[in-house]
Structure formats: structure tokens, C-alpha cells
């Protein structure tokens, strides 16, 4: 649901709020300037989350540089 919703906006870093109500997900909001709180968003991946974000940004910059 989050990926489908953000594809409508573009290719970026977004925070997506989804609520589960009676087993059904509801999209609450999409933040185009999300915060990444230590211990919350990185609870599963830890430091690897930040490495993935930096790598994705680096890849986009390199792709843009090669295209232009």
C-alpha cells in the first residue's frame, strides 16, 4: 500500500502512515519530509537502514550525473 501510494507522487524518500483498523489497512498520510527516529524506524535494520538510504541517494546522483 505504501509503495503504491508513493508512486503517485514520485521517486523520493517518504514517510507513510498506515493504521490497521479491524485487520484492514488505511492510508493516513504521506510525508514528503519524514523524520527517521533512532530506535523507531531503524528498529528492524539498525545501521543498515541508513546505509541503504545513503546508497540509494548516491545511486540517484550518479545516475543523474551520467544522464546529464
PDB file of N, CA and C in Angstrom:
ATOM      1  N   UNK A   1       0.821  -1.184   0.000  1.00  0.00           N
ATOM      2  CA  UNK A   1       0.000   0.000   0.000  1.00  0.00           C
ATOM      3  C   UNK A   1       0.869   1.254   0.000  1.00  0.00           C
ATOM      4  N   UNK A   2       1.910   1.263   0.827  1.00  0.00           N
ATOM      5  CA  UNK A   2       2.785   2.432   0.911  1.00  0.00           C
ATOM      6  C   UNK A   2       3.493   2.692  -0.412  1.00  0.00           C
ATOM      7  N   UNK A   3       4.023   1.655  -1.033  1.00  0.00           N
ATOM      8  CA  UNK A   3       4.714   1.844  -2.307  1.00  0.00           C
ATOM      9  C   UNK A   3       3.757   2.293  -3.402  1.00  0.00           C
ATOM     10  N   UNK A   4       2.597   1.708  -3.443  1.00  0.00           N
ATOM     11  CA  UNK A   4       1.606   2.085  -4.447  1.00  0.00           C
ATOM     12  C   UNK A   4       1.211   3.554  -4.283  1.00  0.00           C
ATOM     13  N   UNK A   5       1.021   3.999  -3.060  1.00  0.00           N
ATOM     14  CA  UNK A   5       0.622   5.381  -2.800  1.00  0.00           C
ATOM     15  C   UNK A   5       1.735   6.368  -3.158  1.00  0.00           C
ATOM     16  N   UNK A   6       2.973   6.042  -2.809  1.00  0.00           N
ATOM     17  CA  UNK A   6       4.061   6.991  -3.077  1.00  0.00           C
ATOM     18  C   UNK A   6       4.438   7.036  -4.550  1.00  0.00           C
ATOM     19  N   UNK A   7       4.176   5.987  -5.298  1.00  0.00           N
ATOM     20  CA  UNK A   7       4.441   6.024  -6.746  1.00  0.00           C
ATOM     21  C   UNK A   7       3.611   7.096  -7.436  1.00  0.00           C
ATOM     22  N   UNK A   8       2.473   7.444  -6.861  1.00  0.00           N
ATOM     23  CA  UNK A   8       1.645   8.503  -7.428  1.00  0.00           C
ATOM     24  C   UNK A   8       2.318   9.871  -7.299  1.00  0.00           C
ATOM     25  N   UNK A   9       3.199  10.009  -6.330  1.00  0.00           N
ATOM     26  CA  UNK A   9       3.867  11.284  -6.068  1.00  0.00           C
ATOM     27  C   UNK A   9       5.188  11.379  -6.817  1.00  0.00           C
ATOM     28  N   UNK A  10       5.956  10.319  -6.825  1.00  0.00           N
ATOM     29  CA  UNK A  10       7.257  10.346  -7.474  1.00  0.00           C
ATOM     30  C   UNK A  10       8.238   9.433  -6.780  1.00  0.00           C
ATOM     31  N   UNK A  11       9.492   9.612  -7.134  1.00  0.00           N
ATOM     32  CA  UNK A  11      10.558   8.775  -6.621  1.00  0.00           C
ATOM     33  C   UNK A  11      11.327   9.560  -5.569  1.00  0.00           C
ATOM     34  N   UNK A  12      11.056   9.293  -4.315  1.00  0.00           N
ATOM     35  CA  UNK A  12      11.700  10.042  -3.248  1.00  0.00           C
ATOM     36  C   UNK A  12      11.708   9.264  -1.955  1.00  0.00           C
ATOM     37  N   UNK A  13      12.062   9.953  -0.903  1.00  0.00           N
ATOM     38  CA  UNK A  13      12.050   9.384   0.445  1.00  0.00           C
ATOM     39  C   UNK A  13      10.814   9.934   1.147  1.00  0.00           C
ATOM     40  N   UNK A  14       9.891   9.050   1.470  1.00  0.00           N
ATOM     41  CA  UNK A  14       8.632   9.457   2.074  1.00  0.00           C
ATOM     42  C   UNK A  14       8.389   8.691   3.367  1.00  0.00           C
ATOM     43  N   UNK A  15       7.676   9.312   4.266  1.00  0.00           N
ATOM     44  CA  UNK A  15       7.174   8.635   5.440  1.00  0.00           C
ATOM     45  C   UNK A  15       5.704   8.348   5.206  1.00  0.00           C
ATOM     46  N   UNK A  16       5.297   7.122   5.391  1.00  0.00           N
ATOM     47  CA  UNK A  16       3.913   6.734   5.123  1.00  0.00           C
ATOM     48  C   UNK A  16       3.297   6.206   6.414  1.00  0.00           C
ATOM     49  N   UNK A  17       2.183   6.808   6.795  1.00  0.00           N
ATOM     50  CA  UNK A  17       1.464   6.378   7.995  1.00  0.00           C
ATOM     51  C   UNK A  17       0.282   5.519   7.584  1.00  0.00           C
ATOM     52  N   UNK A  18       0.275   4.291   8.090  1.00  0.00           N
ATOM     53  CA  UNK A  18      -0.809   3.354   7.809  1.00  0.00           C
ATOM     54  C   UNK A  18      -1.351   2.860   9.147  1.00  0.00           C
ATOM     55  N   UNK A  19      -2.660   2.873   9.293  1.00  0.00           N
ATOM     56  CA  UNK A  19      -3.315   2.369  10.502  1.00  0.00           C
ATOM     57  C   UNK A  19      -4.032   1.068  10.166  1.00  0.00           C
ATOM     58  N   UNK A  20      -3.967   0.139  11.090  1.00  0.00           N
ATOM     59  CA  UNK A  20      -4.695  -1.112  10.957  1.00  0.00           C
ATOM     60  C   UNK A  20      -5.954  -1.001  11.809  1.00  0.00           C
ATOM     61  N   UNK A  21      -7.100  -1.053  11.145  1.00  0.00           N
ATOM     62  CA  UNK A  21      -8.374  -0.990  11.851  1.00  0.00           C
ATOM     63  C   UNK A  21      -9.153  -2.252  11.518  1.00  0.00           C
ATOM     64  N   UNK A  22      -9.353  -3.068  12.519  1.00  0.00           N
ATOM     65  CA  UNK A  22     -10.071  -4.339  12.350  1.00  0.00           C
ATOM     66  C   UNK A  22      -9.471  -5.191  11.249  1.00  0.00           C
ATOM     67  N   UNK A  23      -8.142  -5.225  11.195  1.00  0.00           N
ATOM     68  CA  UNK A  23      -7.451  -6.061  10.223  1.00  0.00           C
ATOM     69  C   UNK A  23      -7.373  -5.484   8.825  1.00  0.00           C
ATOM     70  N   UNK A  24      -7.832  -4.266   8.629  1.00  0.00           N
ATOM     71  CA  UNK A  24      -7.798  -3.631   7.314  1.00  0.00           C
ATOM     72  C   UNK A  24      -6.897  -2.396   7.367  1.00  0.00           C
ATOM     73  N   UNK A  25      -5.920  -2.286   6.444  1.00  0.00           N
ATOM     74  CA  UNK A  25      -5.019  -1.126   6.459  1.00  0.00           C
ATOM     75  C   UNK A  25      -5.670   0.109   5.838  1.00  0.00           C
ATOM     76  N   UNK A  26      -5.413   1.248   6.466  1.00  0.00           N
ATOM     77  CA  UNK A  26      -5.897   2.534   5.960  1.00  0.00           C
ATOM     78  C   UNK A  26      -4.722   3.493   5.847  1.00  0.00           C
ATOM     79  N   UNK A  27      -4.573   4.116   4.696  1.00  0.00           N
ATOM     80  CA  UNK A  27      -3.531   5.111   4.483  1.00  0.00           C
ATOM     81  C   UNK A  27      -3.956   6.398   5.180  1.00  0.00           C
ATOM     82  N   UNK A  28      -3.140   6.870   6.089  1.00  0.00           N
ATOM     83  CA  UNK A  28      -3.462   8.077   6.849  1.00  0.00           C
ATOM     84  C   UNK A  28      -2.821   9.308   6.206  1.00  0.00           C
ATOM     85  N   UNK A  29      -1.510   9.218   5.945  1.00  0.00           N
ATOM     86  CA  UNK A  29      -0.835  10.351   5.315  1.00  0.00           C
ATOM     87  C   UNK A  29       0.493   9.912   4.726  1.00  0.00           C
ATOM     88  N   UNK A  30       0.971  10.743   3.797  1.00  0.00           N
ATOM     89  CA  UNK A  30       2.300  10.573   3.207  1.00  0.00           C
ATOM     90  C   UNK A  30       3.080  11.839   3.512  1.00  0.00           C
ATOM     91  N   UNK A  31       4.238  11.690   4.140  1.00  0.00           N
ATOM     92  CA  UNK A  31       5.085  12.826   4.495  1.00  0.00           C
ATOM     93  C   UNK A  31       6.239  12.917   3.508  1.00  0.00           C
ATOM     94  N   UNK A  32       6.387  14.079   2.868  1.00  0.00           N
ATOM     95  CA  UNK A  32       7.486  14.238   1.917  1.00  0.00           C
ATOM     96  C   UNK A  32       8.772  14.706   2.596  1.00  0.00           C
ATOM     97  N   UNK A  33       8.716  14.924   3.885  1.00  0.00           N
ATOM     98  CA  UNK A  33       9.893  15.298   4.656  1.00  0.00           C
ATOM     99  C   UNK A  33       9.879  14.493   5.959  1.00  0.00           C
ATOM    100  N   UNK A  34      10.084  13.178   5.846  1.00  0.00           N
ATOM    101  CA  UNK A  34       9.917  12.322   7.025  1.00  0.00           C
ATOM    102  C   UNK A  34      11.071  12.445   8.018  1.00  0.00           C
ATOM    103  N   UNK A  35      10.764  12.166   9.249  1.00  0.00           N
ATOM    104  CA  UNK A  35      11.811  12.072  10.261  1.00  0.00           C
ATOM    105  C   UNK A  35      12.159  10.596  10.428  1.00  0.00           C
ATOM    106  N   UNK A  36      13.409  10.334  10.724  1.00  0.00           N
ATOM    107  CA  UNK A  36      13.871   8.974  10.978  1.00  0.00           C
ATOM    108  C   UNK A  36      14.373   8.940  12.413  1.00  0.00           C
ATOM    109  N   UNK A  37      13.556   8.416  13.294  1.00  0.00           N
ATOM    110  CA  UNK A  37      13.892   8.394  14.709  1.00  0.00           C
ATOM    111  C   UNK A  37      14.657   7.128  15.061  1.00  0.00           C
ATOM    112  N   UNK A  38      15.818   7.319  15.683  1.00  0.00           N
ATOM    113  CA  UNK A  38      16.624   6.185  16.133  1.00  0.00           C
ATOM    114  C   UNK A  38      15.817   5.360  17.120  1.00  0.00           C
ATOM    115  N   UNK A  39      15.831   4.051  16.913  1.00  0.00           N
ATOM    116  CA  UNK A  39      15.101   3.157  17.780  1.00  0.00           C
ATOM    117  C   UNK A  39      13.662   2.914  17.332  1.00  0.00           C
ATOM    118  N   UNK A  40      13.197   3.691  16.364  1.00  0.00           N
ATOM    119  CA  UNK A  40      11.831   3.519  15.845  1.00  0.00           C
ATOM    120  C   UNK A  40      11.918   2.982  14.410  1.00  0.00           C
ATOM    121  N   UNK A  41      12.218   3.866  13.466  1.00  0.00           N
ATOM    122  CA  UNK A  41      12.297   3.445  12.062  1.00  0.00           C
ATOM    123  C   UNK A  41      13.424   2.457  11.808  1.00  0.00           C
ATOM    124  N   UNK A  42      14.473   2.533  12.604  1.00  0.00           N
ATOM    125  CA  UNK A  42      15.601   1.626  12.399  1.00  0.00           C
ATOM    126  C   UNK A  42      15.563   0.401  13.321  1.00  0.00           C
ATOM    127  N   UNK A  43      14.400   0.145  13.918  1.00  0.00           N
ATOM    128  CA  UNK A  43      14.285  -0.962  14.877  1.00  0.00           C
ATOM    129  C   UNK A  43      14.590  -2.323  14.253  1.00  0.00           C
ATOM    130  N   UNK A  44      14.283  -2.491  12.985  1.00  0.00           N
ATOM    131  CA  UNK A  44      14.499  -3.789  12.329  1.00  0.00           C
ATOM    132  C   UNK A  44      15.892  -3.876  11.717  1.00  0.00           C
ATOM    133  N   UNK A  45      16.280  -2.876  10.932  1.00  0.00           N
ATOM    134  CA  UNK A  45      17.546  -2.938  10.194  1.00  0.00           C
ATOM    135  C   UNK A  45      18.724  -2.307  10.921  1.00  0.00           C
ATOM    136  N   UNK A  46      18.466  -1.471  11.893  1.00  0.00           N
ATOM    137  CA  UNK A  46      19.555  -0.794  12.599  1.00  0.00           C
ATOM    138  C   UNK A  46      20.341   0.109  11.663  1.00  0.00           C
ATOM    139  N   UNK A  47      21.654   0.097  11.802  1.00  0.00           N
ATOM    140  CA  UNK A  47      22.528   0.954  10.983  1.00  0.00           C
ATOM    141  C   UNK A  47      22.400   0.660   9.491  1.00  0.00           C
ATOM    142  N   UNK A  48      21.982  -0.547   9.142  1.00  0.00           N
ATOM    143  CA  UNK A  48      21.834  -0.908   7.722  1.00  0.00           C
ATOM    144  C   UNK A  48      20.776  -0.045   7.037  1.00  0.00           C
ATOM    145  N   UNK A  49      19.794   0.441   7.781  1.00  0.00           N
ATOM    146  CA  UNK A  49      18.787   1.321   7.199  1.00  0.00           C
ATOM    147  C   UNK A  49      19.442   2.573   6.634  1.00  0.00           C
ATOM    148  N   UNK A  50      20.311   3.191   7.413  1.00  0.00           N
ATOM    149  CA  UNK A  50      20.960   4.425   6.989  1.00  0.00           C
ATOM    150  C   UNK A  50      21.908   4.163   5.816  1.00  0.00           C
ATOM    151  N   UNK A  51      22.574   3.032   5.837  1.00  0.00           N
ATOM    152  CA  UNK A  51      23.452   2.665   4.719  1.00  0.00           C
ATOM    153  C   UNK A  51      22.642   2.503   3.435  1.00  0.00           C
ATOM    154  N   UNK A  52      21.469   1.902   3.531  1.00  0.00           N
ATOM    155  CA  UNK A  52      20.615   1.728   2.347  1.00  0.00           C
ATOM    156  C   UNK A  52      20.122   3.065   1.814  1.00  0.00           C
ATOM    157  N   UNK A  53      19.750   3.968   2.706  1.00  0.00           N
ATOM    158  CA  UNK A  53      19.272   5.285   2.280  1.00  0.00           C
ATOM    159  C   UNK A  53      20.392   6.046   1.573  1.00  0.00           C
ATOM    160  N   UNK A  54      21.577   6.071   2.168  1.00  0.00           N
ATOM    161  CA  UNK A  54      22.716   6.769   1.568  1.00  0.00           C
ATOM    162  C   UNK A  54      23.075   6.149   0.221  1.00  0.00           C
ATOM    163  N   UNK A  55      23.064   4.819   0.134  1.00  0.00           N
ATOM    164  CA  UNK A  55      23.375   4.144  -1.125  1.00  0.00           C
ATOM    165  C   UNK A  55      22.354   4.498  -2.200  1.00  0.00           C
ATOM    166  N   UNK A  56      21.082   4.559  -1.849  1.00  0.00           N
ATOM    167  CA  UNK A  56      20.041   4.915  -2.821  1.00  0.00           C
ATOM    168  C   UNK A  56      20.222   6.351  -3.303  1.00  0.00           C
ATOM    169  N   UNK A  57      20.527   7.269  -2.395  1.00  0.00           N
ATOM    170  CA  UNK A  57      20.765   8.660  -2.782  1.00  0.00           C
ATOM    171  C   UNK A  57      21.997   8.774  -3.672  1.00  0.00           C
ATOM    172  N   UNK A  58      23.043   8.062  -3.327  1.00  0.00           N
ATOM    173  CA  UNK A  58      24.267   8.068  -4.131  1.00  0.00           C
ATOM    174  C   UNK A  58      23.985   7.538  -5.535  1.00  0.00           C
ATOM    175  N   UNK A  59      23.234   6.452  -5.629  1.00  0.00           N
ATOM    176  CA  UNK A  59      22.889   5.868  -6.920  1.00  0.00           C
ATOM    177  C   UNK A  59      22.104   6.865  -7.775  1.00  0.00           C
ATOM    178  N   UNK A  60      21.149   7.574  -7.165  1.00  0.00           N
ATOM    179  CA  UNK A  60      20.358   8.564  -7.913  1.00  0.00           C
ATOM    180  C   UNK A  60      21.231   9.697  -8.424  1.00  0.00           C
ATOM    181  N   UNK A  61      22.156  10.161  -7.588  1.00  0.00           N
ATOM    182  CA  UNK A  61      23.061  11.234  -8.026  1.00  0.00           C
ATOM    183  C   UNK A  61      23.960  10.781  -9.165  1.00  0.00           C
ATOM    184  N   UNK A  62      24.491   9.581  -9.056  1.00  0.00           N
ATOM    185  CA  UNK A  62      25.344   9.050 -10.114  1.00  0.00           C
ATOM    186  C   UNK A  62      24.572   8.871 -11.416  1.00  0.00           C
ATOM    187  N   UNK A  63      23.351   8.393 -11.314  1.00  0.00           N
ATOM    188  CA  UNK A  63      22.503   8.217 -12.495  1.00  0.00           C
ATOM    189  C   UNK A  63      22.186   9.549 -13.146  1.00  0.00           C
ATOM    190  N   UNK A  64      21.884  10.554 -12.329  1.00  0.00           N
ATOM    191  CA  UNK A  64      21.577  11.890 -12.845  1.00  0.00           C
ATOM    192  C   UNK A  64      22.813  12.499 -13.519  1.00  0.00           C
ATOM    193  N   UNK A  65      23.979  12.315 -12.902  1.00  0.00           N
ATOM    194  CA  UNK A  65      25.220  12.842 -13.462  1.00  0.00           C
ATOM    195  C   UNK A  65      25.532  12.183 -14.813  1.00  0.00           C
ATOM    196  N   UNK A  66      25.330  10.872 -14.911  1.00  0.00           N
ATOM    197  CA  UNK A  66      25.603  10.146 -16.147  1.00  0.00           C
ATOM    198  C   UNK A  66      24.629  10.534 -17.250  1.00  0.00           C
ATOM    199  N   UNK A  67      23.392  10.872 -16.890  1.00  0.00           N
ATOM    200  CA  UNK A  67      22.384  11.230 -17.880  1.00  0.00           C
ATOM    201  C   UNK A  67      22.528  12.667 -18.368  1.00  0.00           C
ATOM    202  N   UNK A  68      23.172  13.519 -17.585  1.00  0.00           N
ATOM    203  CA  UNK A  68      23.199  14.935 -17.920  1.00  0.00           C
ATOM    204  C   UNK A  68      24.518  15.405 -18.344  1.00  0.00           C
TER     205      UNK A  68
END
